[in-house]
């Protein structure tokens, strides 16, 4: 790993005494993250010292203006995590993604190199036909519902919320059923499946070089930017895994909201506007990406009343900032039509517009088709028995068992 750190201090004198770090992990965090964010804000303000799983020190940026300040200043708050001064402390099995220290994809590259990759990815995504994609999403959603409609019960997370974006993305990538099954296995392994998934993307890229088609990998291969032999699989994997996890969690949390919130009981099947309301509220209240890893300070600076040192890691608290009382004193009552949330990021590393629209198309199609086909969905367990995935970065229920009137085949 190349050392990009700048250890030159721009201040003199002894550093201020360290304040106790808040643990941003553990059972209490998983049960009630919103309450923990509120407590952190009260105790520390918009920027707080935290400890990630494994004892890793970082700064938690939970103020909306402060996150905007960080994402708008890439020279001061850099994206390449090889600058982080604590990489040598990362233990095996850490929640820090193994790809974060490699700078092999556009998520962690900077400057001209980042712009080069973004140009290729954005132009290829812009070429996706929205009408064809919408039709494909609805078709896949119908096929998935057909698979359990006659049973009268199912778990919507593995059989619907996670499966729909997997199949839609596999189709956009020009993958066959065998390749899709291999990706399903790799995705289920989480971070441990990273190398297996990357190998699949290398194999896919090689096949598309020899037999190009009307798919995303082939169009990336043909793009004038000419991504390198290792660059292309990394970008393909990043797009696939990010889109899959974000949409799966978006759909799962939206369905949980519909099934547990009485105010949606009579409006969830009322048409596209009702579904859009649910999807938008999820982005504000329980964004699929809760926290973002992150940025690294390139020199000593002040942020939100805290002294940040060169090489310090910043974790961007998207969910906490979205629910800042200064930003949204009315909470969910003002979510409809308001797209100022941070769920898709900000600045040059924000999610490309075409990627946002693709994700929205998948999520909207999934919820609309399911509610249209099975309007009498009810939870099969008490709402307080639903559990959440143990992740500091994302937010999703582990399962969503439901009952309904069986539909004859």
Protein backbone atom coordinates (compact mmCIF):
# COMPACT_ATOMS: atom_id res chain seq x y z
CA UNK A 1 0.00 0.00 0.00
CA UNK A 2 1.44 3.34 -1.02
CA UNK A 3 1.86 5.90 1.76
CA UNK A 4 0.04 9.09 0.77
CA UNK A 5 -0.05 10.64 4.22
CA UNK A 6 1.15 14.15 4.87
CA UNK A 7 2.30 14.13 8.48
CA UNK A 8 3.33 17.78 8.48
CA UNK A 9 1.47 19.56 11.26
CA UNK A 10 0.26 23.08 10.66
CA UNK A 11 -0.18 23.93 14.33
CA UNK A 12 2.22 24.18 17.24
CA UNK A 13 1.92 23.28 20.89
CA UNK A 14 0.58 20.15 22.57
CA UNK A 15 -2.60 18.58 21.18
CA UNK A 16 -5.78 19.06 23.23
CA UNK A 17 -6.69 16.25 25.64
CA UNK A 18 -8.63 13.45 24.00
CA UNK A 19 -12.31 13.16 24.85
CA UNK A 20 -13.86 9.71 25.41
CA UNK A 21 -14.72 8.07 22.12
CA UNK A 22 -18.25 6.84 21.42
CA UNK A 23 -18.48 3.22 20.29
CA UNK A 24 -20.17 3.17 16.88
CA UNK A 25 -20.80 -0.54 17.00
CA UNK A 26 -22.35 -3.18 19.21
CA UNK A 27 -25.90 -4.31 20.12
CA UNK A 28 -27.12 -0.92 21.31
CA UNK A 29 -26.09 0.70 18.04
CA UNK A 30 -27.93 -1.97 16.05
CA UNK A 31 -31.12 -1.69 18.09
CA UNK A 32 -31.52 2.09 18.17
CA UNK A 33 -29.01 3.96 16.02
CA UNK A 34 -31.20 7.08 15.83
CA UNK A 35 -31.19 7.40 19.61
CA UNK A 36 -27.43 6.92 19.71
CA UNK A 37 -27.00 9.63 17.07
CA UNK A 38 -29.15 11.96 19.16
CA UNK A 39 -27.06 11.30 22.26
CA UNK A 40 -23.82 11.87 20.33
CA UNK A 41 -25.13 15.18 18.98
CA UNK A 42 -26.11 16.35 22.48
CA UNK A 43 -22.77 15.33 24.00
CA UNK A 44 -20.37 16.37 21.24
CA UNK A 45 -22.11 18.55 18.68
CA UNK A 46 -21.85 18.03 14.91
CA UNK A 47 -18.47 16.22 15.00
CA UNK A 48 -17.64 13.53 17.56
CA UNK A 49 -14.72 11.22 18.40
CA UNK A 50 -15.76 7.61 17.82
CA UNK A 51 -14.40 4.10 17.94
CA UNK A 52 -15.20 1.66 15.15
CA UNK A 53 -15.32 -2.09 15.65
CA UNK A 54 -11.80 -3.32 16.33
CA UNK A 55 -10.89 -0.24 18.38
CA UNK A 56 -10.24 1.93 15.32
CA UNK A 57 -10.33 5.68 16.05
CA UNK A 58 -12.23 8.07 13.78
CA UNK A 59 -14.31 11.24 13.72
CA UNK A 60 -18.06 11.00 13.20
CA UNK A 61 -19.47 13.90 11.18
CA UNK A 62 -23.19 14.08 11.93
CA UNK A 63 -23.95 17.72 11.17
CA UNK A 64 -25.61 18.38 7.81
CA UNK A 65 -23.61 21.59 7.08
CA UNK A 66 -20.41 19.88 8.19
CA UNK A 67 -20.93 16.94 5.81
CA UNK A 68 -21.57 19.40 2.97
CA UNK A 69 -18.38 21.23 3.96
CA UNK A 70 -16.36 18.01 3.90
CA UNK A 71 -17.70 16.74 0.57
CA UNK A 72 -17.20 20.16 -1.07
CA UNK A 73 -13.52 20.35 -0.10
CA UNK A 74 -11.69 17.30 -1.51
CA UNK A 75 -8.28 18.97 -1.20
CA UNK A 76 -8.65 19.18 2.58
CA UNK A 77 -10.75 16.05 3.11
CA UNK A 78 -9.37 13.48 0.70
CA UNK A 79 -11.11 10.34 -0.55
CA UNK A 80 -8.08 8.08 -0.97
CA UNK A 81 -8.05 6.16 2.30
CA UNK A 82 -4.39 5.19 1.90
CA UNK A 83 -3.78 8.55 3.59
CA UNK A 84 -5.30 7.24 6.83
CA UNK A 85 -2.71 7.14 9.61
CA UNK A 86 -4.21 4.06 11.32
CA UNK A 87 -4.20 1.50 8.52
CA UNK A 88 -1.64 -0.60 10.37
CA UNK A 89 -4.14 -0.96 13.25
CA UNK A 90 -6.90 -2.54 11.14
CA UNK A 91 -7.39 -6.11 12.42
CA UNK A 92 -8.38 -9.08 10.32
CA UNK A 93 -12.14 -9.43 10.11
CA UNK A 94 -12.58 -5.67 10.44
CA UNK A 95 -15.74 -3.99 9.07
CA UNK A 96 -13.45 -1.81 6.96
CA UNK A 97 -13.91 -3.08 3.37
CA UNK A 98 -10.71 -4.71 2.04
CA UNK A 99 -10.98 -2.66 -1.16
CA UNK A 100 -10.90 0.64 0.76
CA UNK A 101 -7.12 0.73 0.92
CA UNK A 102 -6.45 -0.17 -2.70
CA UNK A 103 -7.82 2.87 -4.58
CA UNK A 104 -8.69 0.52 -7.45
CA UNK A 105 -12.14 1.97 -8.13
CA UNK A 106 -13.65 5.41 -8.52
CA UNK A 107 -15.03 5.36 -4.97
CA UNK A 108 -11.57 5.96 -3.50
CA UNK A 109 -9.68 7.67 -6.34
CA UNK A 110 -9.08 11.41 -6.54
CA UNK A 111 -8.46 14.27 -8.96
CA UNK A 112 -7.87 13.56 -12.63
CA UNK A 113 -7.85 9.80 -12.12
CA UNK A 114 -11.25 9.96 -10.46
CA UNK A 115 -12.68 12.17 -13.22
CA UNK A 116 -11.37 9.80 -15.88
CA UNK A 117 -13.20 6.85 -14.40
CA UNK A 118 -16.36 8.81 -13.60
CA UNK A 119 -16.58 10.01 -17.18
CA UNK A 120 -16.67 6.44 -18.48
CA UNK A 121 -19.12 5.13 -15.88
CA UNK A 122 -21.54 8.06 -16.12
CA UNK A 123 -21.69 8.01 -19.92
CA UNK A 124 -22.31 4.26 -19.98
CA UNK A 125 -25.04 4.53 -17.34
CA UNK A 126 -26.62 7.43 -19.23
CA UNK A 127 -27.01 5.09 -22.19
CA UNK A 128 -29.43 2.78 -20.34
CA UNK A 129 -32.90 2.93 -21.88
CA UNK A 130 -35.26 3.94 -19.02
CA UNK A 131 -38.37 2.46 -20.64
CA UNK A 132 -36.70 -0.86 -21.38
CA UNK A 133 -35.29 -0.95 -17.85
CA UNK A 134 -38.68 -0.22 -16.31
CA UNK A 135 -40.27 -3.02 -18.33
CA UNK A 136 -37.49 -5.40 -17.34
CA UNK A 137 -37.81 -4.53 -13.64
CA UNK A 138 -41.56 -5.12 -13.67
CA UNK A 139 -41.15 -8.41 -15.52
CA UNK A 140 -38.61 -9.69 -12.99
CA UNK A 141 -40.76 -8.50 -10.08
CA UNK A 142 -43.73 -10.41 -11.53
CA UNK A 143 -41.61 -13.55 -11.93
CA UNK A 144 -40.47 -13.34 -8.32
CA UNK A 145 -44.03 -12.89 -7.05
CA UNK A 146 -45.11 -15.86 -9.16
CA UNK A 147 -42.56 -17.94 -7.26
CA UNK A 148 -44.30 -17.54 -3.89
CA UNK A 149 -47.81 -16.19 -4.65
CA UNK A 150 -49.43 -19.61 -4.25
CA UNK A 151 -47.80 -20.32 -0.87
CA UNK A 152 -49.60 -17.70 1.23
CA UNK A 153 -46.36 -16.84 3.03
CA UNK A 154 -42.74 -15.91 2.32
CA UNK A 155 -39.76 -13.93 3.57
CA UNK A 156 -39.61 -10.82 1.42
CA UNK A 157 -35.94 -10.05 2.08
CA UNK A 158 -34.19 -13.07 0.49
CA UNK A 159 -36.96 -13.95 -1.96
CA UNK A 160 -37.80 -10.48 -3.23
CA UNK A 161 -35.90 -7.42 -1.95
CA UNK A 162 -32.44 -8.91 -2.52
CA UNK A 163 -33.33 -11.04 -5.52
CA UNK A 164 -34.87 -8.34 -7.72
CA UNK A 165 -31.81 -6.03 -8.00
CA UNK A 166 -29.57 -9.08 -8.42
CA UNK A 167 -31.51 -10.26 -11.46
CA UNK A 168 -31.97 -6.78 -12.94
CA UNK A 169 -28.26 -6.01 -12.67
CA UNK A 170 -27.27 -9.44 -13.98
CA UNK A 171 -29.43 -8.79 -17.05
CA UNK A 172 -27.84 -5.36 -17.57
CA UNK A 173 -24.41 -7.04 -17.29
CA UNK A 174 -25.31 -9.70 -19.88
CA UNK A 175 -24.90 -12.56 -17.40
CA UNK A 176 -26.39 -16.03 -17.67
CA UNK A 177 -28.14 -17.97 -14.89
CA UNK A 178 -24.96 -19.71 -13.78
CA UNK A 179 -23.08 -16.45 -13.37
CA UNK A 180 -26.03 -14.95 -11.51
CA UNK A 181 -26.05 -17.87 -9.08
CA UNK A 182 -22.33 -17.43 -8.42
CA UNK A 183 -22.86 -13.74 -7.70
CA UNK A 184 -25.71 -14.57 -5.33
CA UNK A 185 -23.35 -16.78 -3.33
CA UNK A 186 -20.62 -14.15 -3.27
CA UNK A 187 -22.98 -11.40 -2.16
CA UNK A 188 -24.25 -13.59 0.69
CA UNK A 189 -20.69 -13.83 2.02
CA UNK A 190 -20.38 -10.07 2.54
CA UNK A 191 -16.82 -8.72 2.69
CA UNK A 192 -15.49 -12.28 2.69
CA UNK A 193 -16.88 -12.76 -0.80
CA UNK A 194 -15.02 -9.77 -2.25
CA UNK A 195 -12.29 -11.77 -4.00
CA UNK A 196 -14.74 -14.31 -5.38
CA UNK A 197 -16.90 -11.55 -6.83
CA UNK A 198 -13.88 -9.76 -8.27
CA UNK A 199 -12.79 -12.99 -9.95
CA UNK A 200 -16.25 -13.29 -11.52
CA UNK A 201 -15.98 -9.75 -12.84
CA UNK A 202 -12.56 -10.49 -14.34
CA UNK A 203 -14.01 -13.52 -16.08
CA UNK A 204 -16.98 -11.49 -17.30
CA UNK A 205 -14.74 -8.71 -18.64
CA UNK A 206 -12.62 -11.23 -20.51
CA UNK A 207 -15.68 -12.86 -22.05
CA UNK A 208 -17.07 -9.49 -23.15
CA UNK A 209 -13.75 -8.60 -24.77
CA UNK A 210 -14.09 -11.68 -26.95
CA UNK A 211 -17.87 -11.56 -27.40
CA UNK A 212 -19.21 -8.02 -26.84
CA UNK A 213 -22.93 -7.40 -26.64
CA UNK A 214 -25.52 -4.72 -25.79
CA UNK A 215 -24.60 -4.71 -22.09
CA UNK A 216 -22.82 -2.47 -19.57
CA UNK A 217 -19.46 -4.31 -19.52
CA UNK A 218 -19.23 -4.27 -23.32
CA UNK A 219 -20.05 -0.56 -23.45
CA UNK A 220 -17.42 0.18 -20.81
CA UNK A 221 -14.88 -1.80 -22.81
CA UNK A 222 -15.71 0.23 -25.92
CA UNK A 223 -15.58 3.61 -24.14
CA UNK A 224 -12.76 5.95 -25.26
CA UNK A 225 -11.45 6.23 -21.68
CA UNK A 226 -10.27 2.63 -22.07
CA UNK A 227 -10.27 1.32 -18.50
CA UNK A 228 -7.30 -0.94 -17.81
CA UNK A 229 -7.29 -4.69 -17.35
CA UNK A 230 -7.63 -4.42 -13.55
CA UNK A 231 -9.64 -1.19 -13.55
CA UNK A 232 -12.62 -2.55 -15.46
CA UNK A 233 -13.40 -5.51 -13.13
CA UNK A 234 -13.07 -3.21 -10.11
CA UNK A 235 -15.53 -0.67 -11.52
CA UNK A 236 -17.94 -3.41 -12.58
CA UNK A 237 -17.84 -4.89 -9.09
CA UNK A 238 -18.30 -1.50 -7.42
CA UNK A 239 -21.34 -0.64 -9.54
CA UNK A 240 -22.88 -4.07 -9.02
CA UNK A 241 -22.40 -4.42 -5.27
CA UNK A 242 -23.29 -0.81 -4.45
CA UNK A 243 -26.45 -0.85 -6.55
CA UNK A 244 -27.51 -4.28 -5.32
CA UNK A 245 -27.11 -3.56 -1.61
CA UNK A 246 -28.59 -0.07 -1.77
CA UNK A 247 -31.70 -1.13 -3.70
CA UNK A 248 -32.23 -4.32 -1.67
CA UNK A 249 -32.09 -2.36 1.59
CA UNK A 250 -34.22 0.45 0.15
CA UNK A 251 -36.95 -1.98 -0.90
CA UNK A 252 -36.78 -4.00 2.31
CA UNK A 253 -37.02 -0.96 4.57
CA UNK A 254 -39.84 0.53 2.47
CA UNK A 255 -41.85 -2.69 2.77
CA UNK A 256 -41.19 -2.80 6.51
CA UNK A 257 -42.51 0.75 6.78
CA UNK A 258 -45.65 -0.12 4.82
CA UNK A 259 -46.30 -3.20 6.94
CA UNK A 260 -45.68 -1.57 10.32
CA UNK A 261 -46.85 2.06 9.99
CA UNK A 262 -50.66 2.50 10.22
CA UNK A 263 -50.50 5.80 8.28
CA UNK A 264 -49.44 3.82 5.19
CA UNK A 265 -52.01 1.07 5.60
CA UNK A 266 -54.65 2.75 3.42
CA UNK A 267 -52.38 4.64 1.04
CA UNK A 268 -49.64 2.16 0.15
CA UNK A 269 -51.70 0.80 -2.77
CA UNK A 270 -52.98 4.19 -3.84
CA UNK A 271 -50.73 4.55 -6.85
CA UNK A 272 -47.24 5.78 -7.77
CA UNK A 273 -47.41 8.92 -5.63
CA UNK A 274 -48.00 6.86 -2.47
CA UNK A 275 -45.08 4.56 -3.28
CA UNK A 276 -42.84 7.55 -3.97
CA UNK A 277 -43.77 8.93 -0.58
CA UNK A 278 -42.72 5.73 1.17
CA UNK A 279 -39.45 5.50 -0.79
CA UNK A 280 -38.58 9.13 -0.07
CA UNK A 281 -39.31 8.76 3.62
CA UNK A 282 -36.94 5.80 3.81
CA UNK A 283 -34.16 7.95 2.32
CA UNK A 284 -34.72 10.51 5.06
CA UNK A 285 -35.47 8.28 8.04
CA UNK A 286 -33.56 5.03 7.45
CA UNK A 287 -31.27 5.55 4.45
CA UNK A 288 -29.88 2.28 3.02
CA UNK A 289 -26.37 3.69 3.42
CA UNK A 290 -26.29 4.96 7.00
CA UNK A 291 -22.64 5.95 7.32
CA UNK A 292 -19.92 6.47 4.74
CA UNK A 293 -16.27 5.57 5.07
CA UNK A 294 -15.25 8.40 4.68
CA UNK A 295 -12.60 11.06 4.17
CA UNK A 296 -9.07 11.62 5.47
CA UNK A 297 -7.79 15.03 6.57
CA UNK A 298 -4.75 16.07 4.53
CA UNK A 299 -3.65 18.64 7.11
CA UNK A 300 -4.63 19.83 10.57
CA UNK A 301 -7.90 21.72 10.55
CA UNK A 302 -11.00 22.58 12.57
CA UNK A 303 -14.40 21.08 11.85
CA UNK A 304 -17.56 21.46 13.90
CA UNK A 305 -15.65 22.64 16.95
CA UNK A 306 -13.18 19.75 16.89
CA UNK A 307 -9.47 19.77 16.05
CA UNK A 308 -8.88 17.28 13.24
CA UNK A 309 -5.30 16.09 12.66
CA UNK A 310 -3.66 15.22 9.36
CA UNK A 311 -4.25 11.53 8.63
CA UNK A 312 -7.41 11.32 10.77
CA UNK A 313 -10.33 9.33 9.36
CA UNK A 314 -13.78 10.91 9.04
CA UNK A 315 -16.96 8.82 8.91
CA UNK A 316 -19.85 10.71 7.34
CA UNK A 317 -23.05 10.12 9.32
CA UNK A 318 -25.63 10.29 6.53
CA UNK A 319 -28.59 9.05 8.58
CA UNK A 320 -27.73 11.23 11.56
CA UNK A 321 -27.37 14.35 9.39
CA UNK A 322 -30.62 13.65 7.55
CA UNK A 323 -32.44 13.71 10.88
CA UNK A 324 -30.73 16.75 12.36
CA UNK A 325 -33.36 18.75 14.30
CA UNK A 326 -31.96 21.98 12.86
CA UNK A 327 -32.47 20.68 9.34
CA UNK A 328 -35.86 18.99 9.81
CA UNK A 329 -37.74 20.11 12.89
CA UNK A 330 -40.91 18.54 11.45
CA UNK A 331 -39.24 15.16 10.76
CA UNK A 332 -41.22 12.88 8.42
CA UNK A 333 -43.99 15.41 7.83
CA UNK A 334 -41.72 17.36 5.49
CA UNK A 335 -40.17 14.41 3.63
CA UNK A 336 -42.59 14.36 0.69
CA UNK A 337 -41.05 16.03 -2.35
CA UNK A 338 -37.92 17.01 -0.44
CA UNK A 339 -34.79 15.61 -2.08
CA UNK A 340 -32.21 17.49 0.03
CA UNK A 341 -31.27 14.32 1.92
CA UNK A 342 -27.75 12.91 1.78
CA UNK A 343 -28.74 9.33 0.93
CA UNK A 344 -27.01 9.51 -2.47
CA UNK A 345 -24.00 11.49 -1.29
CA UNK A 346 -22.76 14.94 -2.23
CA UNK A 347 -19.89 16.42 -4.19
CA UNK A 348 -17.71 14.79 -6.80
CA UNK A 349 -18.02 11.38 -5.10
CA UNK A 350 -21.80 11.49 -4.94
CA UNK A 351 -23.83 8.84 -6.73
CA UNK A 352 -24.17 9.65 -10.48
CA UNK A 353 -27.65 10.84 -11.49
CA UNK A 354 -28.14 7.94 -13.90
CA UNK A 355 -27.29 5.46 -11.14
CA UNK A 356 -29.80 7.12 -8.80
CA UNK A 357 -32.51 6.88 -11.44
CA UNK A 358 -31.69 3.22 -12.09
CA UNK A 359 -31.93 2.46 -8.37
CA UNK A 360 -35.18 4.38 -8.06
CA UNK A 361 -36.63 2.48 -11.03
CA UNK A 362 -35.79 -0.87 -9.42
CA UNK A 363 -37.13 0.12 -6.00
CA UNK A 364 -40.32 1.69 -7.32
CA UNK A 365 -41.08 -1.21 -9.67
CA UNK A 366 -40.51 -3.74 -6.89
CA UNK A 367 -42.86 -2.09 -4.39
CA UNK A 368 -45.57 -1.27 -6.94
CA UNK A 369 -45.68 -4.74 -8.48
CA UNK A 370 -45.69 -6.51 -5.11
CA UNK A 371 -48.50 -4.37 -3.67
CA UNK A 372 -50.51 -4.65 -6.86
CA UNK A 373 -50.19 -8.43 -7.00
CA UNK A 374 -50.60 -9.11 -3.26
CA UNK A 375 -52.54 -6.24 -1.64
CA UNK A 376 -53.29 -8.06 1.64
CA UNK A 377 -49.70 -8.54 2.86
CA UNK A 378 -49.38 -8.68 6.65
CA UNK A 379 -46.40 -9.33 8.92
CA UNK A 380 -46.14 -12.92 10.11
CA UNK A 381 -44.35 -11.89 13.33
CA UNK A 382 -44.79 -8.97 15.75
CA UNK A 383 -43.05 -5.84 14.47
CA UNK A 384 -40.80 -5.64 17.54
CA UNK A 385 -39.35 -9.06 16.69
CA UNK A 386 -37.86 -7.86 13.42
CA UNK A 387 -34.07 -7.71 13.59
CA UNK A 388 -31.57 -5.51 11.76
CA UNK A 389 -28.45 -6.50 9.90
CA UNK A 390 -25.33 -6.00 12.07
CA UNK A 391 -23.63 -3.28 10.01
CA UNK A 392 -22.41 0.19 10.84
CA UNK A 393 -22.50 1.19 7.17
CA UNK A 394 -25.93 0.01 5.96
CA UNK A 395 -29.42 -0.31 7.43
CA UNK A 396 -31.77 -3.17 6.59
CA UNK A 397 -33.95 -5.74 8.29
CA UNK A 398 -32.55 -9.28 8.29
CA UNK A 399 -35.89 -10.83 7.35
CA UNK A 400 -39.45 -9.76 6.65
CA UNK A 401 -41.78 -12.77 7.00
CA UNK A 402 -45.28 -12.11 5.67
CA UNK A 403 -48.64 -13.83 5.22
CA UNK A 404 -51.28 -13.27 2.54
CA UNK A 405 -54.14 -14.95 0.74
CA UNK A 406 -52.66 -17.56 -1.61
CA UNK A 407 -53.12 -16.80 -5.31
CA UNK A 408 -53.93 -19.88 -7.43
CA UNK A 409 -51.45 -20.55 -10.19
